[in-house]
Amino acid sequence: AWSTPAGFGRGAKFVFRALGGVVRGQRLTGIGAGLATSFLRA
């Protein structure tokens, strides 16, 4: 994230995604925990 332009860009995208969730009052959850959560909801 701090050694290549693409890494920095993805890091910024990740931060904005996290902040966006906080602003909307959401607890955004990805990877395996997100998959399990999606399954439980469904």
PDB file of all heavy atoms in Angstrom:
ATOM      1  N   ALA A   1       0.808  -1.220   0.000  1.00  0.00           N
ATOM      2  CA  ALA A   1       0.000   0.000   0.000  1.00  0.00           C
ATOM      3  C   ALA A   1       0.841   1.269   0.000  1.00  0.00           C
ATOM      4  O   ALA A   1       0.390   2.312  -0.462  1.00  0.00           O
ATOM      5  CB  ALA A   1      -0.944   0.000   1.201  1.00  0.00           C
ATOM      6  N   TRP A   2       2.069   1.225   0.562  1.00  0.00           N
ATOM      7  CA  TRP A   2       2.890   2.429   0.580  1.00  0.00           C
ATOM      8  C   TRP A   2       4.172   2.292  -0.248  1.00  0.00           C
ATOM      9  O   TRP A   2       5.090   3.096  -0.114  1.00  0.00           O
ATOM     10  CB  TRP A   2       3.224   2.831   2.009  1.00  0.00           C
ATOM     11  CG  TRP A   2       3.828   1.756   2.859  1.00  0.00           C
ATOM     12  CD1 TRP A   2       5.113   1.296   2.837  1.00  0.00           C
ATOM     13  CD2 TRP A   2       3.153   0.992   3.870  1.00  0.00           C
ATOM     14  NE1 TRP A   2       5.284   0.299   3.754  1.00  0.00           N
ATOM     15  CE2 TRP A   2       4.103   0.101   4.421  1.00  0.00           C
ATOM     16  CE3 TRP A   2       1.855   0.988   4.363  1.00  0.00           C
ATOM     17  CZ2 TRP A   2       3.776  -0.797   5.428  1.00  0.00           C
ATOM     18  CZ3 TRP A   2       1.540   0.100   5.374  1.00  0.00           C
ATOM     19  CH2 TRP A   2       2.490  -0.777   5.894  1.00  0.00           C
ATOM     20  N   SER A   3       4.217   1.264  -1.100  1.00  0.00           N
ATOM     21  CA  SER A   3       5.430   1.104  -1.903  1.00  0.00           C
ATOM     22  C   SER A   3       5.166   1.106  -3.407  1.00  0.00           C
ATOM     23  O   SER A   3       6.119   1.181  -4.183  1.00  0.00           O
ATOM     24  CB  SER A   3       6.154  -0.193  -1.524  1.00  0.00           C
ATOM     25  OG  SER A   3       5.312  -1.310  -1.684  1.00  0.00           O
ATOM     26  N   THR A   4       3.898   1.005  -3.833  1.00  0.00           N
ATOM     27  CA  THR A   4       3.579   1.063  -5.267  1.00  0.00           C
ATOM     28  C   THR A   4       2.348   1.930  -5.475  1.00  0.00           C
ATOM     29  O   THR A   4       1.477   2.008  -4.594  1.00  0.00           O
ATOM     30  CB  THR A   4       3.296  -0.333  -5.857  1.00  0.00           C
ATOM     31  OG1 THR A   4       2.048  -0.835  -5.341  1.00  0.00           O
ATOM     32  CG2 THR A   4       4.406  -1.316  -5.535  1.00  0.00           C
ATOM     33  N   PRO A   5       2.224   2.590  -6.618  1.00  0.00           N
ATOM     34  CA  PRO A   5       1.038   3.417  -6.879  1.00  0.00           C
ATOM     35  C   PRO A   5      -0.271   2.619  -6.814  1.00  0.00           C
ATOM     36  O   PRO A   5      -1.264   3.086  -6.256  1.00  0.00           O
ATOM     37  CB  PRO A   5       1.298   3.953  -8.295  1.00  0.00           C
ATOM     38  CG  PRO A   5       2.784   3.936  -8.435  1.00  0.00           C
ATOM     39  CD  PRO A   5       3.237   2.727  -7.679  1.00  0.00           C
ATOM     40  N   ALA A   6      -0.266   1.404  -7.392  1.00  0.00           N
ATOM     41  CA  ALA A   6      -1.481   0.590  -7.369  1.00  0.00           C
ATOM     42  C   ALA A   6      -1.843   0.195  -5.941  1.00  0.00           C
ATOM     43  O   ALA A   6      -3.022   0.171  -5.569  1.00  0.00           O
ATOM     44  CB  ALA A   6      -1.304  -0.662  -8.228  1.00  0.00           C
ATOM     45  N   GLY A   7      -0.835  -0.116  -5.144  1.00  0.00           N
ATOM     46  CA  GLY A   7      -1.085  -0.463  -3.757  1.00  0.00           C
ATOM     47  C   GLY A   7      -1.639   0.713  -2.975  1.00  0.00           C
ATOM     48  O   GLY A   7      -2.578   0.564  -2.173  1.00  0.00           O
ATOM     49  N   PHE A   8      -1.091   1.904  -3.217  1.00  0.00           N
ATOM     50  CA  PHE A   8      -1.595   3.099  -2.545  1.00  0.00           C
ATOM     51  C   PHE A   8      -3.045   3.366  -2.938  1.00  0.00           C
ATOM     52  O   PHE A   8      -3.889   3.685  -2.081  1.00  0.00           O
ATOM     53  CB  PHE A   8      -0.724   4.310  -2.884  1.00  0.00           C
ATOM     54  CG  PHE A   8      -1.185   5.586  -2.238  1.00  0.00           C
ATOM     55  CD1 PHE A   8      -0.847   5.879  -0.929  1.00  0.00           C
ATOM     56  CD2 PHE A   8      -1.970   6.488  -2.944  1.00  0.00           C
ATOM     57  CE1 PHE A   8      -1.288   7.047  -0.330  1.00  0.00           C
ATOM     58  CE2 PHE A   8      -2.415   7.663  -2.355  1.00  0.00           C
ATOM     59  CZ  PHE A   8      -2.069   7.942  -1.039  1.00  0.00           C
ATOM     60  N   GLY A   9      -3.338   3.204  -4.228  1.00  0.00           N
ATOM     61  CA  GLY A   9      -4.706   3.432  -4.702  1.00  0.00           C
ATOM     62  C   GLY A   9      -5.694   2.477  -4.059  1.00  0.00           C
ATOM     63  O   GLY A   9      -6.794   2.877  -3.654  1.00  0.00           O
ATOM     64  N   ARG A  10      -5.303   1.180  -3.958  1.00  0.00           N
ATOM     65  CA  ARG A  10      -6.205   0.216  -3.342  1.00  0.00           C
ATOM     66  C   ARG A  10      -6.342   0.490  -1.841  1.00  0.00           C
ATOM     67  O   ARG A  10      -7.433   0.303  -1.269  1.00  0.00           O
ATOM     68  CB  ARG A  10      -5.716  -1.203  -3.584  1.00  0.00           C
ATOM     69  CG  ARG A  10      -6.663  -2.278  -3.055  1.00  0.00           C
ATOM     70  CD  ARG A  10      -8.068  -2.171  -3.657  1.00  0.00           C
ATOM     71  NE  ARG A  10      -8.059  -2.387  -5.078  1.00  0.00           N
ATOM     72  CZ  ARG A  10      -8.235  -3.569  -5.672  1.00  0.00           C
ATOM     73  NH1 ARG A  10      -8.463  -4.639  -4.940  1.00  0.00           N
ATOM     74  NH2 ARG A  10      -8.216  -3.655  -6.987  1.00  0.00           N
ATOM     75  N   GLY A  11      -5.259   0.922  -1.211  1.00  0.00           N
ATOM     76  CA  GLY A  11      -5.338   1.267   0.196  1.00  0.00           C
ATOM     77  C   GLY A  11      -6.321   2.401   0.433  1.00  0.00           C
ATOM     78  O   GLY A  11      -7.126   2.366   1.382  1.00  0.00           O
ATOM     79  N   ALA A  12      -6.268   3.428  -0.431  1.00  0.00           N
ATOM     80  CA  ALA A  12      -7.203   4.551  -0.306  1.00  0.00           C
ATOM     81  C   ALA A  12      -8.639   4.084  -0.519  1.00  0.00           C
ATOM     82  O   ALA A  12      -9.559   4.509   0.197  1.00  0.00           O
ATOM     83  CB  ALA A  12      -6.834   5.634  -1.313  1.00  0.00           C
ATOM     84  N   LYS A  13      -8.836   3.209  -1.498  1.00  0.00           N
ATOM     85  CA  LYS A  13     -10.180   2.681  -1.764  1.00  0.00           C
ATOM     86  C   LYS A  13     -10.703   1.917  -0.557  1.00  0.00           C
ATOM     87  O   LYS A  13     -11.883   2.034  -0.191  1.00  0.00           O
ATOM     88  CB  LYS A  13     -10.126   1.773  -2.995  1.00  0.00           C
ATOM     89  CG  LYS A  13     -11.475   1.257  -3.462  1.00  0.00           C
ATOM     90  CD  LYS A  13     -11.321   0.447  -4.748  1.00  0.00           C
ATOM     91  CE  LYS A  13     -12.671  -0.065  -5.235  1.00  0.00           C
ATOM     92  NZ  LYS A  13     -12.514  -0.852  -6.507  1.00  0.00           N
ATOM     93  N   PHE A  14      -9.831   1.142   0.059  1.00  0.00           N
ATOM     94  CA  PHE A  14     -10.221   0.380   1.246  1.00  0.00           C
ATOM     95  C   PHE A  14     -10.617   1.321   2.384  1.00  0.00           C
ATOM     96  O   PHE A  14     -11.627   1.114   3.067  1.00  0.00           O
ATOM     97  CB  PHE A  14      -9.065  -0.527   1.680  1.00  0.00           C
ATOM     98  CG  PHE A  14      -9.255  -1.162   3.022  1.00  0.00           C
ATOM     99  CD1 PHE A  14     -10.153  -2.201   3.196  1.00  0.00           C
ATOM    100  CD2 PHE A  14      -8.546  -0.707   4.134  1.00  0.00           C
ATOM    101  CE1 PHE A  14     -10.335  -2.791   4.444  1.00  0.00           C
ATOM    102  CE2 PHE A  14      -8.724  -1.288   5.379  1.00  0.00           C
ATOM    103  CZ  PHE A  14      -9.622  -2.328   5.532  1.00  0.00           C
ATOM    104  N   VAL A  15      -9.836   2.379   2.604  1.00  0.00           N
ATOM    105  CA  VAL A  15     -10.131   3.331   3.672  1.00  0.00           C
ATOM    106  C   VAL A  15     -11.475   4.010   3.434  1.00  0.00           C
ATOM    107  O   VAL A  15     -12.303   4.135   4.347  1.00  0.00           O
ATOM    108  CB  VAL A  15      -9.002   4.374   3.799  1.00  0.00           C
ATOM    109  CG1 VAL A  15      -9.423   5.516   4.713  1.00  0.00           C
ATOM    110  CG2 VAL A  15      -7.736   3.723   4.328  1.00  0.00           C
ATOM    111  N   PHE A  16     -11.725   4.438   2.194  1.00  0.00           N
ATOM    112  CA  PHE A  16     -12.998   5.092   1.892  1.00  0.00           C
ATOM    113  C   PHE A  16     -14.177   4.132   2.030  1.00  0.00           C
ATOM    114  O   PHE A  16     -15.260   4.523   2.473  1.00  0.00           O
ATOM    115  CB  PHE A  16     -12.955   5.691   0.483  1.00  0.00           C
ATOM    116  CG  PHE A  16     -12.162   6.962   0.393  1.00  0.00           C
ATOM    117  CD1 PHE A  16     -11.095   7.072  -0.479  1.00  0.00           C
ATOM    118  CD2 PHE A  16     -12.485   8.061   1.196  1.00  0.00           C
ATOM    119  CE1 PHE A  16     -10.355   8.246  -0.563  1.00  0.00           C
ATOM    120  CE2 PHE A  16     -11.755   9.233   1.117  1.00  0.00           C
ATOM    121  CZ  PHE A  16     -10.688   9.329   0.241  1.00  0.00           C
ATOM    122  N   ARG A  17     -13.960   2.859   1.685  1.00  0.00           N
ATOM    123  CA  ARG A  17     -15.019   1.862   1.862  1.00  0.00           C
ATOM    124  C   ARG A  17     -15.343   1.704   3.343  1.00  0.00           C
ATOM    125  O   ARG A  17     -16.513   1.661   3.742  1.00  0.00           O
ATOM    126  CB  ARG A  17     -14.588   0.522   1.278  1.00  0.00           C
ATOM    127  CG  ARG A  17     -15.671  -0.559   1.316  1.00  0.00           C
ATOM    128  CD  ARG A  17     -15.089  -1.924   0.990  1.00  0.00           C
ATOM    129  NE  ARG A  17     -14.389  -1.933  -0.284  1.00  0.00           N
ATOM    130  CZ  ARG A  17     -13.342  -2.694  -0.558  1.00  0.00           C
ATOM    131  NH1 ARG A  17     -12.853  -3.514   0.365  1.00  0.00           N
ATOM    132  NH2 ARG A  17     -12.755  -2.655  -1.737  1.00  0.00           N
ATOM    133  N   ALA A  18     -14.286   1.621   4.160  1.00  0.00           N
ATOM    134  CA  ALA A  18     -14.493   1.466   5.595  1.00  0.00           C
ATOM    135  C   ALA A  18     -15.180   2.689   6.194  1.00  0.00           C
ATOM    136  O   ALA A  18     -16.133   2.570   6.970  1.00  0.00           O
ATOM    137  CB  ALA A  18     -13.149   1.217   6.285  1.00  0.00           C
ATOM    138  N   LEU A  19     -14.717   3.876   5.812  1.00  0.00           N
ATOM    139  CA  LEU A  19     -15.325   5.104   6.334  1.00  0.00           C
ATOM    140  C   LEU A  19     -16.767   5.249   5.878  1.00  0.00           C
ATOM    141  O   LEU A  19     -17.628   5.701   6.641  1.00  0.00           O
ATOM    142  CB  LEU A  19     -14.499   6.319   5.900  1.00  0.00           C
ATOM    143  CG  LEU A  19     -13.119   6.461   6.544  1.00  0.00           C
ATOM    144  CD1 LEU A  19     -12.369   7.645   5.949  1.00  0.00           C
ATOM    145  CD2 LEU A  19     -13.242   6.625   8.054  1.00  0.00           C
ATOM    146  N   GLY A  20     -17.031   4.856   4.621  1.00  0.00           N
ATOM    147  CA  GLY A  20     -18.396   4.923   4.106  1.00  0.00           C
ATOM    148  C   GLY A  20     -19.337   4.065   4.922  1.00  0.00           C
ATOM    149  O   GLY A  20     -20.473   4.458   5.211  1.00  0.00           O
ATOM    150  N   GLY A  21     -18.860   2.888   5.308  1.00  0.00           N
ATOM    151  CA  GLY A  21     -19.684   2.016   6.138  1.00  0.00           C
ATOM    152  C   GLY A  21     -19.950   2.635   7.493  1.00  0.00           C
ATOM    153  O   GLY A  21     -21.074   2.589   8.002  1.00  0.00           O
ATOM    154  N   VAL A  22     -18.918   3.246   8.082  1.00  0.00           N
ATOM    155  CA  VAL A  22     -19.074   3.876   9.396  1.00  0.00           C
ATOM    156  C   VAL A  22     -20.083   5.020   9.323  1.00  0.00           C
ATOM    157  O   VAL A  22     -20.964   5.155  10.182  1.00  0.00           O
ATOM    158  CB  VAL A  22     -17.714   4.377   9.919  1.00  0.00           C
ATOM    159  CG1 VAL A  22     -17.904   5.220  11.171  1.00  0.00           C
ATOM    160  CG2 VAL A  22     -16.789   3.207  10.195  1.00  0.00           C
ATOM    161  N   VAL A  23     -19.967   5.856   8.291  1.00  0.00           N
ATOM    162  CA  VAL A  23     -20.875   6.997   8.139  1.00  0.00           C
ATOM    163  C   VAL A  23     -22.322   6.532   8.009  1.00  0.00           C
ATOM    164  O   VAL A  23     -23.245   7.155   8.540  1.00  0.00           O
ATOM    165  CB  VAL A  23     -20.457   7.844   6.911  1.00  0.00           C
ATOM    166  CG1 VAL A  23     -21.534   8.859   6.560  1.00  0.00           C
ATOM    167  CG2 VAL A  23     -19.131   8.543   7.182  1.00  0.00           C
ATOM    168  N   ARG A  24     -22.511   5.414   7.326  1.00  0.00           N
ATOM    169  CA  ARG A  24     -23.873   4.891   7.134  1.00  0.00           C
ATOM    170  C   ARG A  24     -24.346   4.041   8.317  1.00  0.00           C
ATOM    171  O   ARG A  24     -25.437   3.468   8.273  1.00  0.00           O
ATOM    172  CB  ARG A  24     -23.927   4.050   5.850  1.00  0.00           C
ATOM    173  CG  ARG A  24     -23.704   4.849   4.580  1.00  0.00           C
ATOM    174  CD  ARG A  24     -24.005   4.001   3.342  1.00  0.00           C
ATOM    175  NE  ARG A  24     -23.122   2.852   3.226  1.00  0.00           N
ATOM    176  CZ  ARG A  24     -21.957   2.843   2.618  1.00  0.00           C
ATOM    177  NH1 ARG A  24     -21.486   3.980   2.083  1.00  0.00           N
ATOM    178  NH2 ARG A  24     -21.227   1.735   2.540  1.00  0.00           N
ATOM    179  N   GLY A  25     -23.519   3.935   9.340  1.00  0.00           N
ATOM    180  CA  GLY A  25     -23.893   3.144  10.508  1.00  0.00           C
ATOM    181  C   GLY A  25     -23.818   1.652  10.264  1.00  0.00           C
ATOM    182  O   GLY A  25     -24.470   0.875  10.968  1.00  0.00           O
ATOM    183  N   GLN A  26     -23.000   1.248   9.295  1.00  0.00           N
ATOM    184  CA  GLN A  26     -22.882  -0.167   8.955  1.00  0.00           C
ATOM    185  C   GLN A  26     -21.599  -0.763   9.529  1.00  0.00           C
ATOM    186  O   GLN A  26     -20.618  -0.054   9.765  1.00  0.00           O
ATOM    187  CB  GLN A  26     -22.889  -0.347   7.433  1.00  0.00           C
ATOM    188  CG  GLN A  26     -24.155   0.128   6.754  1.00  0.00           C
ATOM    189  CD  GLN A  26     -24.066  -0.011   5.245  1.00  0.00           C
ATOM    190  OE1 GLN A  26     -22.979  -0.004   4.659  1.00  0.00           O
ATOM    191  NE2 GLN A  26     -25.210  -0.152   4.602  1.00  0.00           N
ATOM    192  N   ARG A  27     -21.608  -2.068   9.729  1.00  0.00           N
ATOM    193  CA  ARG A  27     -20.403  -2.806  10.118  1.00  0.00           C
ATOM    194  C   ARG A  27     -20.062  -3.704   8.933  1.00  0.00           C
ATOM    195  O   ARG A  27     -20.418  -4.882   8.889  1.00  0.00           O
ATOM    196  CB  ARG A  27     -20.661  -3.618  11.383  1.00  0.00           C
ATOM    197  CG  ARG A  27     -19.422  -4.315  11.938  1.00  0.00           C
ATOM    198  CD  ARG A  27     -19.730  -5.014  13.258  1.00  0.00           C
ATOM    199  NE  ARG A  27     -20.824  -5.970  13.107  1.00  0.00           N
ATOM    200  CZ  ARG A  27     -21.780  -6.156  14.022  1.00  0.00           C
ATOM    201  NH1 ARG A  27     -21.774  -5.476  15.141  1.00  0.00           N
ATOM    202  NH2 ARG A  27     -22.736  -7.038  13.810  1.00  0.00           N
ATOM    203  N   LEU A  28     -19.382  -3.123   7.957  1.00  0.00           N
ATOM    204  CA  LEU A  28     -19.090  -3.864   6.731  1.00  0.00           C
ATOM    205  C   LEU A  28     -18.117  -4.994   7.010  1.00  0.00           C
ATOM    206  O   LEU A  28     -17.090  -4.818   7.676  1.00  0.00           O
ATOM    207  CB  LEU A  28     -18.529  -2.934   5.665  1.00  0.00           C
ATOM    208  CG  LEU A  28     -19.514  -1.897   5.096  1.00  0.00           C
ATOM    209  CD1 LEU A  28     -18.827  -1.022   4.059  1.00  0.00           C
ATOM    210  CD2 LEU A  28     -20.737  -2.590   4.489  1.00  0.00           C
ATOM    211  N   THR A  29     -18.437  -6.153   6.483  1.00  0.00           N
ATOM    212  CA  THR A  29     -17.670  -7.364   6.776  1.00  0.00           C
ATOM    213  C   THR A  29     -17.418  -8.115   5.473  1.00  0.00           C
ATOM    214  O   THR A  29     -18.351  -8.412   4.730  1.00  0.00           O
ATOM    215  CB  THR A  29     -18.455  -8.269   7.743  1.00  0.00           C
ATOM    216  OG1 THR A  29     -18.834  -7.508   8.893  1.00  0.00           O
ATOM    217  CG2 THR A  29     -17.628  -9.461   8.169  1.00  0.00           C
ATOM    218  N   GLY A  30     -16.142  -8.385   5.205  1.00  0.00           N
ATOM    219  CA  GLY A  30     -15.787  -9.083   3.985  1.00  0.00           C
ATOM    220  C   GLY A  30     -15.082 -10.403   4.255  1.00  0.00           C
ATOM    221  O   GLY A  30     -15.147 -10.950   5.350  1.00  0.00           O
ATOM    222  N   ILE A  31     -14.408 -10.913   3.271  1.00  0.00           N
ATOM    223  CA  ILE A  31     -13.701 -12.195   3.212  1.00  0.00           C
ATOM    224  C   ILE A  31     -14.540 -13.311   3.836  1.00  0.00           C
ATOM    225  O   ILE A  31     -15.744 -13.378   3.626  1.00  0.00           O
ATOM    226  CB  ILE A  31     -12.257 -12.099   3.767  1.00  0.00           C
ATOM    227  CG1 ILE A  31     -12.193 -11.568   5.200  1.00  0.00           C
ATOM    228  CG2 ILE A  31     -11.433 -11.197   2.857  1.00  0.00           C
ATOM    229  CD1 ILE A  31     -10.773 -11.587   5.783  1.00  0.00           C
ATOM    230  N   GLY A  32     -13.932 -14.205   4.635  1.00  0.00           N
ATOM    231  CA  GLY A  32     -14.674 -15.366   5.126  1.00  0.00           C
ATOM    232  C   GLY A  32     -15.814 -15.011   6.052  1.00  0.00           C
ATOM    233  O   GLY A  32     -16.891 -15.614   5.998  1.00  0.00           O
ATOM    234  N   ALA A  33     -15.595 -14.018   6.930  1.00  0.00           N
ATOM    235  CA  ALA A  33     -16.673 -13.596   7.824  1.00  0.00           C
ATOM    236  C   ALA A  33     -17.837 -13.025   7.034  1.00  0.00           C
ATOM    237  O   ALA A  33     -19.009 -13.218   7.394  1.00  0.00           O
ATOM    238  CB  ALA A  33     -16.148 -12.572   8.822  1.00  0.00           C
ATOM    239  N   GLY A  34     -17.531 -12.338   5.945  1.00  0.00           N
ATOM    240  CA  GLY A  34     -18.586 -11.802   5.090  1.00  0.00           C
ATOM    241  C   GLY A  34     -19.366 -12.895   4.382  1.00  0.00           C
ATOM    242  O   GLY A  34     -20.597 -12.822   4.245  1.00  0.00           O
ATOM    243  N   LEU A  35     -18.648 -13.934   3.928  1.00  0.00           N
ATOM    244  CA  LEU A  35     -19.323 -15.054   3.266  1.00  0.00           C
ATOM    245  C   LEU A  35     -20.241 -15.774   4.251  1.00  0.00           C
ATOM    246  O   LEU A  35     -21.389 -16.078   3.934  1.00  0.00           O
ATOM    247  CB  LEU A  35     -18.291 -16.023   2.691  1.00  0.00           C
ATOM    248  CG  LEU A  35     -18.846 -17.283   2.020  1.00  0.00           C
ATOM    249  CD1 LEU A  35     -19.763 -16.940   0.854  1.00  0.00           C
ATOM    250  CD2 LEU A  35     -17.693 -18.187   1.549  1.00  0.00           C
ATOM    251  N   ALA A  36     -19.739 -16.039   5.457  1.00  0.00           N
ATOM    252  CA  ALA A  36     -20.568 -16.707   6.466  1.00  0.00           C
ATOM    253  C   ALA A  36     -21.784 -15.857   6.829  1.00  0.00           C
ATOM    254  O   ALA A  36     -22.900 -16.369   6.978  1.00  0.00           O
ATOM    255  CB  ALA A  36     -19.728 -17.010   7.706  1.00  0.00           C
ATOM    256  N   THR A  37     -21.574 -14.551   6.971  1.00  0.00           N
ATOM    257  CA  THR A  37     -22.676 -13.645   7.283  1.00  0.00           C
ATOM    258  C   THR A  37     -23.723 -13.653   6.178  1.00  0.00           C
ATOM    259  O   THR A  37     -24.928 -13.687   6.434  1.00  0.00           O
ATOM    260  CB  THR A  37     -22.150 -12.218   7.507  1.00  0.00           C
ATOM    261  OG1 THR A  37     -21.263 -12.219   8.635  1.00  0.00           O
ATOM    262  CG2 THR A  37     -23.276 -11.236   7.760  1.00  0.00           C
ATOM    263  N   SER A  38     -23.274 -13.625   4.932  1.00  0.00           N
ATOM    264  CA  SER A  38     -24.198 -13.643   3.793  1.00  0.00           C
ATOM    265  C   SER A  38     -24.996 -14.936   3.766  1.00  0.00           C
ATOM    266  O   SER A  38     -26.203 -14.932   3.486  1.00  0.00           O
ATOM    267  CB  SER A  38     -23.425 -13.474   2.481  1.00  0.00           C
ATOM    268  OG  SER A  38     -22.818 -12.200   2.410  1.00  0.00           O
ATOM    269  N   PHE A  39     -24.330 -16.046   4.054  1.00  0.00           N
ATOM    270  CA  PHE A  39     -25.034 -17.326   4.109  1.00  0.00           C
ATOM    271  C   PHE A  39     -26.072 -17.329   5.231  1.00  0.00           C
ATOM    272  O   PHE A  39     -27.202 -17.790   5.043  1.00  0.00           O
ATOM    273  CB  PHE A  39     -24.040 -18.471   4.334  1.00  0.00           C
ATOM    274  CG  PHE A  39     -23.595 -19.165   3.091  1.00  0.00           C
ATOM    275  CD1 PHE A  39     -22.239 -19.358   2.819  1.00  0.00           C
ATOM    276  CD2 PHE A  39     -24.519 -19.672   2.189  1.00  0.00           C
ATOM    277  CE1 PHE A  39     -21.823 -20.024   1.668  1.00  0.00           C
ATOM    278  CE2 PHE A  39     -24.109 -20.340   1.035  1.00  0.00           C
ATOM    279  CZ  PHE A  39     -22.763 -20.513   0.780  1.00  0.00           C
ATOM    280  N   LEU A  40     -25.700 -16.822   6.401  1.00  0.00           N
ATOM    281  CA  LEU A  40     -26.650 -16.841   7.508  1.00  0.00           C
ATOM    282  C   LEU A  40     -27.876 -15.979   7.189  1.00  0.00           C
ATOM    283  O   LEU A  40     -29.011 -16.357   7.489  1.00  0.00           O
ATOM    284  CB  LEU A  40     -25.983 -16.372   8.796  1.00  0.00           C
ATOM    285  CG  LEU A  40     -26.913 -16.510  10.005  1.00  0.00           C
ATOM    286  CD1 LEU A  40     -26.298 -17.363  11.095  1.00  0.00           C
ATOM    287  CD2 LEU A  40     -27.321 -15.160  10.563  1.00  0.00           C
ATOM    288  N   ARG A  41     -27.640 -14.829   6.574  1.00  0.00           N
ATOM    289  CA  ARG A  41     -28.774 -13.980   6.195  1.00  0.00           C
ATOM    290  C   ARG A  41     -29.699 -14.702   5.230  1.00  0.00           C
ATOM    291  O   ARG A  41     -30.926 -14.653   5.360  1.00  0.00           O
ATOM    292  CB  ARG A  41     -28.280 -12.683   5.546  1.00  0.00           C
ATOM    293  CG  ARG A  41     -27.672 -11.698   6.498  1.00  0.00           C
ATOM    294  CD  ARG A  41     -27.716 -10.272   5.995  1.00  0.00           C
ATOM    295  NE  ARG A  41     -27.370 -10.133   4.574  1.00  0.00           N
ATOM    296  CZ  ARG A  41     -27.311  -8.962   3.955  1.00  0.00           C
ATOM    297  NH1 ARG A  41     -27.559  -7.841   4.604  1.00  0.00           N
ATOM    298  NH2 ARG A  41     -26.981  -8.892   2.675  1.00  0.00           N
ATOM    299  N   ALA A  42     -29.101 -15.369   4.242  1.00  0.00           N
ATOM    300  CA  ALA A  42     -29.905 -16.031   3.216  1.00  0.00           C
ATOM    301  C   ALA A  42     -30.636 -17.249   3.754  1.00  0.00           C
ATOM    302  O   ALA A  42     -31.803 -17.489   3.417  1.00  0.00           O
ATOM    303  CB  ALA A  42     -29.022 -16.425   2.030  1.00  0.00           C
TER     304      ALA A  42
END
